PDB file of N, CA and C in Angstrom:
ATOM      1  N   UNK A   1       0.880  -1.188   0.023  1.00  0.00           N
ATOM      2  CA  UNK A   1       0.016   0.083   0.003  1.00  0.00           C
ATOM      3  C   UNK A   1       0.881   1.239   0.055  1.00  0.00           C
ATOM      4  N   UNK A   2       0.590   2.178  -0.823  1.00  0.00           N
ATOM      5  CA  UNK A   2       1.415   3.331  -0.819  1.00  0.00           C
ATOM      6  C   UNK A   2       1.181   4.141   0.379  1.00  0.00           C
ATOM      7  N   UNK A   3       2.230   4.937   0.789  1.00  0.00           N
ATOM      8  CA  UNK A   3       2.239   5.789   2.024  1.00  0.00           C
ATOM      9  C   UNK A   3       0.940   6.694   2.061  1.00  0.00           C
ATOM     10  N   UNK A   4       0.688   7.343   0.980  1.00  0.00           N
ATOM     11  CA  UNK A   4      -0.407   8.316   1.152  1.00  0.00           C
ATOM     12  C   UNK A   4      -1.760   7.577   1.413  1.00  0.00           C
ATOM     13  N   UNK A   5      -1.935   6.301   0.929  1.00  0.00           N
ATOM     14  CA  UNK A   5      -3.095   5.623   1.342  1.00  0.00           C
ATOM     15  C   UNK A   5      -3.093   5.325   2.848  1.00  0.00           C
ATOM     16  N   UNK A   6      -1.931   4.843   3.274  1.00  0.00           N
ATOM     17  CA  UNK A   6      -1.739   4.531   4.713  1.00  0.00           C
ATOM     18  C   UNK A   6      -2.065   5.770   5.539  1.00  0.00           C
ATOM     19  N   UNK A   7      -1.589   6.937   5.202  1.00  0.00           N
ATOM     20  CA  UNK A   7      -1.767   8.162   5.909  1.00  0.00           C
ATOM     21  C   UNK A   7      -3.238   8.512   5.925  1.00  0.00           C
ATOM     22  N   UNK A   8      -3.872   8.357   4.715  1.00  0.00           N
ATOM     23  CA  UNK A   8      -5.333   8.628   4.762  1.00  0.00           C
ATOM     24  C   UNK A   8      -6.167   7.770   5.613  1.00  0.00           C
ATOM     25  N   UNK A   9      -5.822   6.523   5.594  1.00  0.00           N
ATOM     26  CA  UNK A   9      -6.622   5.524   6.452  1.00  0.00           C
ATOM     27  C   UNK A   9      -6.320   5.774   7.933  1.00  0.00           C
ATOM     28  N   UNK A  10      -5.087   5.949   8.223  1.00  0.00           N
ATOM     29  CA  UNK A  10      -4.682   6.098   9.616  1.00  0.00           C
ATOM     30  C   UNK A  10      -5.182   7.432  10.273  1.00  0.00           C
ATOM     31  N   UNK A  11      -5.270   8.460   9.446  1.00  0.00           N
ATOM     32  CA  UNK A  11      -5.911   9.791   9.929  1.00  0.00           C
ATOM     33  C   UNK A  11      -7.190   9.631  10.454  1.00  0.00           C
ATOM     34  N   UNK A  12      -8.048   8.732   9.968  1.00  0.00           N
ATOM     35  CA  UNK A  12      -9.359   8.494  10.460  1.00  0.00           C
ATOM     36  C   UNK A  12      -9.588   7.082  11.006  1.00  0.00           C
ATOM     37  N   UNK A  13      -8.558   6.514  11.603  1.00  0.00           N
ATOM     38  CA  UNK A  13      -8.632   5.133  11.932  1.00  0.00           C
ATOM     39  C   UNK A  13      -9.847   4.850  12.918  1.00  0.00           C
ATOM     40  N   UNK A  14     -10.008   5.744  13.780  1.00  0.00           N
ATOM     41  CA  UNK A  14     -11.165   5.431  14.715  1.00  0.00           C
ATOM     42  C   UNK A  14     -12.518   5.331  14.105  1.00  0.00           C
ATOM     43  N   UNK A  15     -12.694   6.086  13.022  1.00  0.00           N
ATOM     44  CA  UNK A  15     -13.961   6.000  12.272  1.00  0.00           C
ATOM     45  C   UNK A  15     -13.981   4.725  11.419  1.00  0.00           C
ATOM     46  N   UNK A  16     -12.853   4.292  10.862  1.00  0.00           N
ATOM     47  CA  UNK A  16     -12.776   3.079  10.144  1.00  0.00           C
ATOM     48  C   UNK A  16     -13.004   1.852  11.000  1.00  0.00           C
ATOM     49  N   UNK A  17     -12.364   1.909  12.211  1.00  0.00           N
ATOM     50  CA  UNK A  17     -12.559   0.774  13.190  1.00  0.00           C
ATOM     51  C   UNK A  17     -14.097   0.696  13.452  1.00  0.00           C
ATOM     52  N   UNK A  18     -14.734   1.709  13.789  1.00  0.00           N
ATOM     53  CA  UNK A  18     -16.163   1.675  14.130  1.00  0.00           C
ATOM     54  C   UNK A  18     -16.992   1.130  12.972  1.00  0.00           C
ATOM     55  N   UNK A  19     -16.638   1.538  11.705  1.00  0.00           N
ATOM     56  CA  UNK A  19     -17.430   1.207  10.554  1.00  0.00           C
ATOM     57  C   UNK A  19     -17.174  -0.405  10.262  1.00  0.00           C
ATOM     58  N   UNK A  20     -15.947  -0.756  10.457  1.00  0.00           N
ATOM     59  CA  UNK A  20     -15.703  -2.243  10.199  1.00  0.00           C
ATOM     60  C   UNK A  20     -16.405  -3.143  11.283  1.00  0.00           C
ATOM     61  N   UNK A  21     -16.297  -2.560  12.577  1.00  0.00           N
ATOM     62  CA  UNK A  21     -16.948  -3.317  13.567  1.00  0.00           C
ATOM     63  C   UNK A  21     -18.531  -3.430  13.362  1.00  0.00           C
ATOM     64  N   UNK A  22     -19.057  -2.367  12.847  1.00  0.00           N
ATOM     65  CA  UNK A  22     -20.452  -2.278  12.545  1.00  0.00           C
ATOM     66  C   UNK A  22     -20.822  -3.365  11.495  1.00  0.00           C
ATOM     67  N   UNK A  23     -19.912  -3.544  10.506  1.00  0.00           N
ATOM     68  CA  UNK A  23     -20.097  -4.525   9.424  1.00  0.00           C
ATOM     69  C   UNK A  23     -20.087  -5.925  10.050  1.00  0.00           C
ATOM     70  N   UNK A  24     -19.090  -6.086  10.924  1.00  0.00           N
ATOM     71  CA  UNK A  24     -18.990  -7.358  11.600  1.00  0.00           C
ATOM     72  C   UNK A  24     -20.338  -7.711  12.370  1.00  0.00           C
ATOM     73  N   UNK A  25     -20.770  -6.658  13.088  1.00  0.00           N
ATOM     74  CA  UNK A  25     -21.953  -6.834  13.971  1.00  0.00           C
ATOM     75  C   UNK A  25     -23.178  -7.131  13.098  1.00  0.00           C
ATOM     76  N   UNK A  26     -23.341  -6.478  11.852  1.00  0.00           N
ATOM     77  CA  UNK A  26     -24.425  -6.641  11.039  1.00  0.00           C
ATOM     78  C   UNK A  26     -24.603  -8.073  10.524  1.00  0.00           C
ATOM     79  N   UNK A  27     -23.504  -8.857  10.454  1.00  0.00           N
ATOM     80  CA  UNK A  27     -23.516 -10.172  10.028  1.00  0.00           C
ATOM     81  C   UNK A  27     -23.431 -11.115  11.206  1.00  0.00           C
ATOM     82  N   UNK A  28     -23.493 -10.608  12.461  1.00  0.00           N
ATOM     83  CA  UNK A  28     -23.553 -11.440  13.716  1.00  0.00           C
ATOM     84  C   UNK A  28     -22.208 -12.188  13.734  1.00  0.00           C
ATOM     85  N   UNK A  29     -21.138 -11.503  13.556  1.00  0.00           N
ATOM     86  CA  UNK A  29     -19.771 -12.039  13.613  1.00  0.00           C
ATOM     87  C   UNK A  29     -19.281 -11.607  15.035  1.00  0.00           C
ATOM     88  N   UNK A  30     -18.551 -12.563  15.634  1.00  0.00           N
ATOM     89  CA  UNK A  30     -17.931 -12.236  16.972  1.00  0.00           C
ATOM     90  C   UNK A  30     -16.639 -11.509  16.836  1.00  0.00           C
ATOM     91  N   UNK A  31     -16.082 -11.396  15.714  1.00  0.00           N
ATOM     92  CA  UNK A  31     -14.793 -10.779  15.522  1.00  0.00           C
ATOM     93  C   UNK A  31     -14.999  -9.202  15.666  1.00  0.00           C
ATOM     94  N   UNK A  32     -14.083  -8.507  16.224  1.00  0.00           N
ATOM     95  CA  UNK A  32     -14.144  -6.971  16.240  1.00  0.00           C
ATOM     96  C   UNK A  32     -12.634  -6.536  16.131  1.00  0.00           C
ATOM     97  N   UNK A  33     -12.674  -5.401  15.522  1.00  0.00           N
ATOM     98  CA  UNK A  33     -11.270  -4.672  15.415  1.00  0.00           C
ATOM     99  C   UNK A  33     -11.021  -3.976  16.735  1.00  0.00           C
ATOM    100  N   UNK A  34      -9.893  -4.267  17.291  1.00  0.00           N
ATOM    101  CA  UNK A  34      -9.547  -3.488  18.599  1.00  0.00           C
ATOM    102  C   UNK A  34      -8.770  -2.217  18.281  1.00  0.00           C
ATOM    103  N   UNK A  35      -7.792  -2.250  17.419  1.00  0.00           N
ATOM    104  CA  UNK A  35      -7.115  -1.055  16.991  1.00  0.00           C
ATOM    105  C   UNK A  35      -6.308  -1.372  15.722  1.00  0.00           C
ATOM    106  N   UNK A  36      -5.811  -0.281  15.110  1.00  0.00           N
ATOM    107  CA  UNK A  36      -5.041  -0.410  13.896  1.00  0.00           C
ATOM    108  C   UNK A  36      -3.766   0.479  14.115  1.00  0.00           C
ATOM    109  N   UNK A  37      -2.569   0.038  13.371  1.00  0.00           N
ATOM    110  CA  UNK A  37      -1.519   0.917  13.404  1.00  0.00           C
ATOM    111  C   UNK A  37      -0.772   0.691  12.101  1.00  0.00           C
ATOM    112  N   UNK A  38       0.068   1.590  11.687  1.00  0.00           N
ATOM    113  CA  UNK A  38       0.913   1.580  10.488  1.00  0.00           C
ATOM    114  C   UNK A  38       2.279   1.023  10.749  1.00  0.00           C
ATOM    115  N   UNK A  39       2.741   0.198   9.956  1.00  0.00           N
ATOM    116  CA  UNK A  39       4.084  -0.457  10.132  1.00  0.00           C
ATOM    117  C   UNK A  39       4.707  -0.674   8.804  1.00  0.00           C
ATOM    118  N   UNK A  40       5.759   0.215   8.494  1.00  0.00           N
ATOM    119  CA  UNK A  40       6.419   0.108   7.209  1.00  0.00           C
ATOM    120  C   UNK A  40       5.545   0.038   5.948  1.00  0.00           C
ATOM    121  N   UNK A  41       4.746   1.107   5.779  1.00  0.00           N
ATOM    122  CA  UNK A  41       3.870   1.264   4.656  1.00  0.00           C
ATOM    123  C   UNK A  41       2.782   0.229   4.661  1.00  0.00           C
ATOM    124  N   UNK A  42       2.441  -0.360   5.783  1.00  0.00           N
ATOM    125  CA  UNK A  42       1.412  -1.289   5.813  1.00  0.00           C
ATOM    126  C   UNK A  42       0.486  -0.951   6.978  1.00  0.00           C
ATOM    127  N   UNK A  43      -0.758  -1.359   6.836  1.00  0.00           N
ATOM    128  CA  UNK A  43      -1.687  -1.126   7.969  1.00  0.00           C
ATOM    129  C   UNK A  43      -1.877  -2.486   8.633  1.00  0.00           C
ATOM    130  N   UNK A  44      -1.660  -2.582  10.017  1.00  0.00           N
ATOM    131  CA  UNK A  44      -1.954  -3.731  10.753  1.00  0.00           C
ATOM    132  C   UNK A  44      -3.265  -3.618  11.496  1.00  0.00           C
ATOM    133  N   UNK A  45      -4.210  -4.604  11.405  1.00  0.00           N
ATOM    134  CA  UNK A  45      -5.387  -4.535  12.076  1.00  0.00           C
ATOM    135  C   UNK A  45      -5.470  -5.622  13.126  1.00  0.00           C
ATOM    136  N   UNK A  46      -5.650  -5.175  14.309  1.00  0.00           N
ATOM    137  CA  UNK A  46      -5.597  -6.099  15.508  1.00  0.00           C
ATOM    138  C   UNK A  46      -7.144  -6.389  15.850  1.00  0.00           C
ATOM    139  N   UNK A  47      -7.482  -7.720  15.867  1.00  0.00           N
ATOM    140  CA  UNK A  47      -8.788  -8.153  16.244  1.00  0.00           C
ATOM    141  C   UNK A  47      -8.821  -8.844  17.557  1.00  0.00           C
ATOM    142  N   UNK A  48     -10.039  -8.994  18.094  1.00  0.00           N
ATOM    143  CA  UNK A  48     -10.192  -9.587  19.421  1.00  0.00           C
ATOM    144  C   UNK A  48      -9.989 -11.068  19.454  1.00  0.00           C
ATOM    145  N   UNK A  49     -10.018 -11.673  18.227  1.00  0.00           N
ATOM    146  CA  UNK A  49      -9.730 -13.089  18.059  1.00  0.00           C
ATOM    147  C   UNK A  49      -9.072 -13.370  16.760  1.00  0.00           C
ATOM    148  N   UNK A  50      -8.646 -14.616  16.568  1.00  0.00           N
ATOM    149  CA  UNK A  50      -8.089 -14.926  15.315  1.00  0.00           C
ATOM    150  C   UNK A  50      -9.071 -14.865  14.178  1.00  0.00           C
ATOM    151  N   UNK A  51      -8.594 -14.061  13.104  1.00  0.00           N
ATOM    152  CA  UNK A  51      -9.438 -13.645  11.986  1.00  0.00           C
ATOM    153  C   UNK A  51      -9.420 -14.865  11.104  1.00  0.00           C
ATOM    154  N   UNK A  52     -10.539 -15.079  10.428  1.00  0.00           N
ATOM    155  CA  UNK A  52     -10.658 -16.050   9.371  1.00  0.00           C
ATOM    156  C   UNK A  52     -10.855 -15.311   7.982  1.00  0.00           C
ATOM    157  N   UNK A  53     -10.732 -16.110   6.876  1.00  0.00           N
ATOM    158  CA  UNK A  53     -10.837 -15.506   5.558  1.00  0.00           C
ATOM    159  C   UNK A  53     -12.130 -14.634   5.329  1.00  0.00           C
ATOM    160  N   UNK A  54     -13.218 -15.035   5.921  1.00  0.00           N
ATOM    161  CA  UNK A  54     -14.441 -14.185   5.733  1.00  0.00           C
ATOM    162  C   UNK A  54     -14.298 -12.882   6.438  1.00  0.00           C
ATOM    163  N   UNK A  55     -13.609 -12.813   7.587  1.00  0.00           N
ATOM    164  CA  UNK A  55     -13.333 -11.577   8.266  1.00  0.00           C
ATOM    165  C   UNK A  55     -12.432 -10.686   7.390  1.00  0.00           C
ATOM    166  N   UNK A  56     -11.454 -11.291   6.744  1.00  0.00           N
ATOM    167  CA  UNK A  56     -10.521 -10.513   5.871  1.00  0.00           C
ATOM    168  C   UNK A  56     -11.371  -9.905   4.683  1.00  0.00           C
ATOM    169  N   UNK A  57     -12.206 -10.664   4.243  1.00  0.00           N
ATOM    170  CA  UNK A  57     -13.149 -10.206   3.012  1.00  0.00           C
ATOM    171  C   UNK A  57     -13.904  -8.895   3.463  1.00  0.00           C
ATOM    172  N   UNK A  58     -14.472  -8.954   4.712  1.00  0.00           N
ATOM    173  CA  UNK A  58     -15.139  -7.831   5.127  1.00  0.00           C
ATOM    174  C   UNK A  58     -14.328  -6.585   5.147  1.00  0.00           C
ATOM    175  N   UNK A  59     -13.141  -6.729   5.730  1.00  0.00           N
ATOM    176  CA  UNK A  59     -12.166  -5.605   5.837  1.00  0.00           C
ATOM    177  C   UNK A  59     -11.745  -5.143   4.421  1.00  0.00           C
ATOM    178  N   UNK A  60     -11.432  -6.049   3.576  1.00  0.00           N
ATOM    179  CA  UNK A  60     -10.941  -5.774   2.235  1.00  0.00           C
ATOM    180  C   UNK A  60     -12.075  -5.012   1.503  1.00  0.00           C
ATOM    181  N   UNK A  61     -13.287  -5.509   1.619  1.00  0.00           N
ATOM    182  CA  UNK A  61     -14.391  -4.879   0.914  1.00  0.00           C
ATOM    183  C   UNK A  61     -14.628  -3.375   1.416  1.00  0.00           C
ATOM    184  N   UNK A  62     -14.440  -3.242   2.697  1.00  0.00           N
ATOM    185  CA  UNK A  62     -14.616  -1.919   3.338  1.00  0.00           C
ATOM    186  C   UNK A  62     -13.577  -0.928   2.787  1.00  0.00           C
ATOM    187  N   UNK A  63     -12.306  -1.402   2.692  1.00  0.00           N
ATOM    188  CA  UNK A  63     -11.256  -0.570   2.219  1.00  0.00           C
ATOM    189  C   UNK A  63     -11.425  -0.279   0.782  1.00  0.00           C
ATOM    190  N   UNK A  64     -11.811  -1.257  -0.039  1.00  0.00           N
ATOM    191  CA  UNK A  64     -12.094  -0.984  -1.475  1.00  0.00           C
ATOM    192  C   UNK A  64     -13.161   0.000  -1.749  1.00  0.00           C
ATOM    193  N   UNK A  65     -14.116   0.240  -0.748  1.00  0.00           N
ATOM    194  CA  UNK A  65     -15.225   1.179  -1.024  1.00  0.00           C
ATOM    195  C   UNK A  65     -14.870   2.604  -0.411  1.00  0.00           C
ATOM    196  N   UNK A  66     -13.689   2.811   0.156  1.00  0.00           N
ATOM    197  CA  UNK A  66     -13.381   4.145   0.639  1.00  0.00           C
ATOM    198  C   UNK A  66     -13.120   4.945  -0.536  1.00  0.00           C
ATOM    199  N   UNK A  67     -13.610   6.157  -0.448  1.00  0.00           N
ATOM    200  CA  UNK A  67     -13.632   7.170  -1.593  1.00  0.00           C
ATOM    201  C   UNK A  67     -12.227   7.796  -1.688  1.00  0.00           C
ATOM    202  N   UNK A  68     -11.561   8.035  -0.584  1.00  0.00           N
ATOM    203  CA  UNK A  68     -10.306   8.811  -0.620  1.00  0.00           C
ATOM    204  C   UNK A  68      -9.048   7.863  -0.648  1.00  0.00           C
ATOM    205  N   UNK A  69      -9.253   6.619  -0.921  1.00  0.00           N
ATOM    206  CA  UNK A  69      -8.198   5.703  -1.042  1.00  0.00           C
ATOM    207  C   UNK A  69      -8.059   5.163  -2.434  1.00  0.00           C
ATOM    208  N   UNK A  70      -6.916   5.140  -3.010  1.00  0.00           N
ATOM    209  CA  UNK A  70      -6.650   4.522  -4.371  1.00  0.00           C
ATOM    210  C   UNK A  70      -6.554   3.024  -4.164  1.00  0.00           C
ATOM    211  N   UNK A  71      -7.618   2.318  -4.439  1.00  0.00           N
ATOM    212  CA  UNK A  71      -7.660   0.876  -4.146  1.00  0.00           C
ATOM    213  C   UNK A  71      -6.876   0.104  -5.202  1.00  0.00           C
ATOM    214  N   UNK A  72      -6.461   0.689  -6.253  1.00  0.00           N
ATOM    215  CA  UNK A  72      -5.592  -0.032  -7.245  1.00  0.00           C
ATOM    216  C   UNK A  72      -4.188  -0.256  -6.760  1.00  0.00           C
ATOM    217  N   UNK A  73      -3.831   0.442  -5.697  1.00  0.00           N
ATOM    218  CA  UNK A  73      -2.485   0.255  -5.138  1.00  0.00           C
ATOM    219  C   UNK A  73      -2.441  -0.511  -3.788  1.00  0.00           C
ATOM    220  N   UNK A  74      -3.566  -1.116  -3.517  1.00  0.00           N
ATOM    221  CA  UNK A  74      -3.700  -1.844  -2.192  1.00  0.00           C
ATOM    222  C   UNK A  74      -3.437  -3.338  -2.489  1.00  0.00           C
ATOM    223  N   UNK A  75      -2.445  -3.836  -1.716  1.00  0.00           N
ATOM    224  CA  UNK A  75      -2.184  -5.285  -1.801  1.00  0.00           C
ATOM    225  C   UNK A  75      -3.225  -6.095  -1.092  1.00  0.00           C
ATOM    226  N   UNK A  76      -3.300  -7.360  -1.366  1.00  0.00           N
ATOM    227  CA  UNK A  76      -4.307  -8.186  -0.782  1.00  0.00           C
ATOM    228  C   UNK A  76      -4.006  -8.359   0.792  1.00  0.00           C
ATOM    229  N   UNK A  77      -5.082  -8.481   1.475  1.00  0.00           N
ATOM    230  CA  UNK A  77      -4.931  -8.655   2.922  1.00  0.00           C
ATOM    231  C   UNK A  77      -4.605 -10.089   3.133  1.00  0.00           C
ATOM    232  N   UNK A  78      -3.880 -10.279   4.322  1.00  0.00           N
ATOM    233  CA  UNK A  78      -3.350 -11.669   4.610  1.00  0.00           C
ATOM    234  C   UNK A  78      -3.276 -11.771   6.090  1.00  0.00           C
ATOM    235  N   UNK A  79      -3.394 -13.098   6.460  1.00  0.00           N
ATOM    236  CA  UNK A  79      -3.171 -13.375   7.968  1.00  0.00           C
ATOM    237  C   UNK A  79      -1.709 -13.513   8.328  1.00  0.00           C
ATOM    238  N   UNK A  80      -1.209 -13.197   9.442  1.00  0.00           N
ATOM    239  CA  UNK A  80       0.258 -13.417   9.778  1.00  0.00           C
ATOM    240  C   UNK A  80       0.635 -14.852   9.798  1.00  0.00           C
TER     241      UNK A  80
END
């Protein structure tokens, strides 16, 4: 992810965390985002439990739909 995308997302990380958690809640998922931080041009999302691929899909879809982020420069999400 390019640095400007990271900066844009991190500048409003509290809003993004709330929105992602709302999406998790809407599908009755027990996963929730606790916090986010940037690390070497990457965004790390910390959840309350081990995420599965469907959780990653929700986060990825949310990021793709952000208006102020160039989604063509975003790498795929992955588990550690």
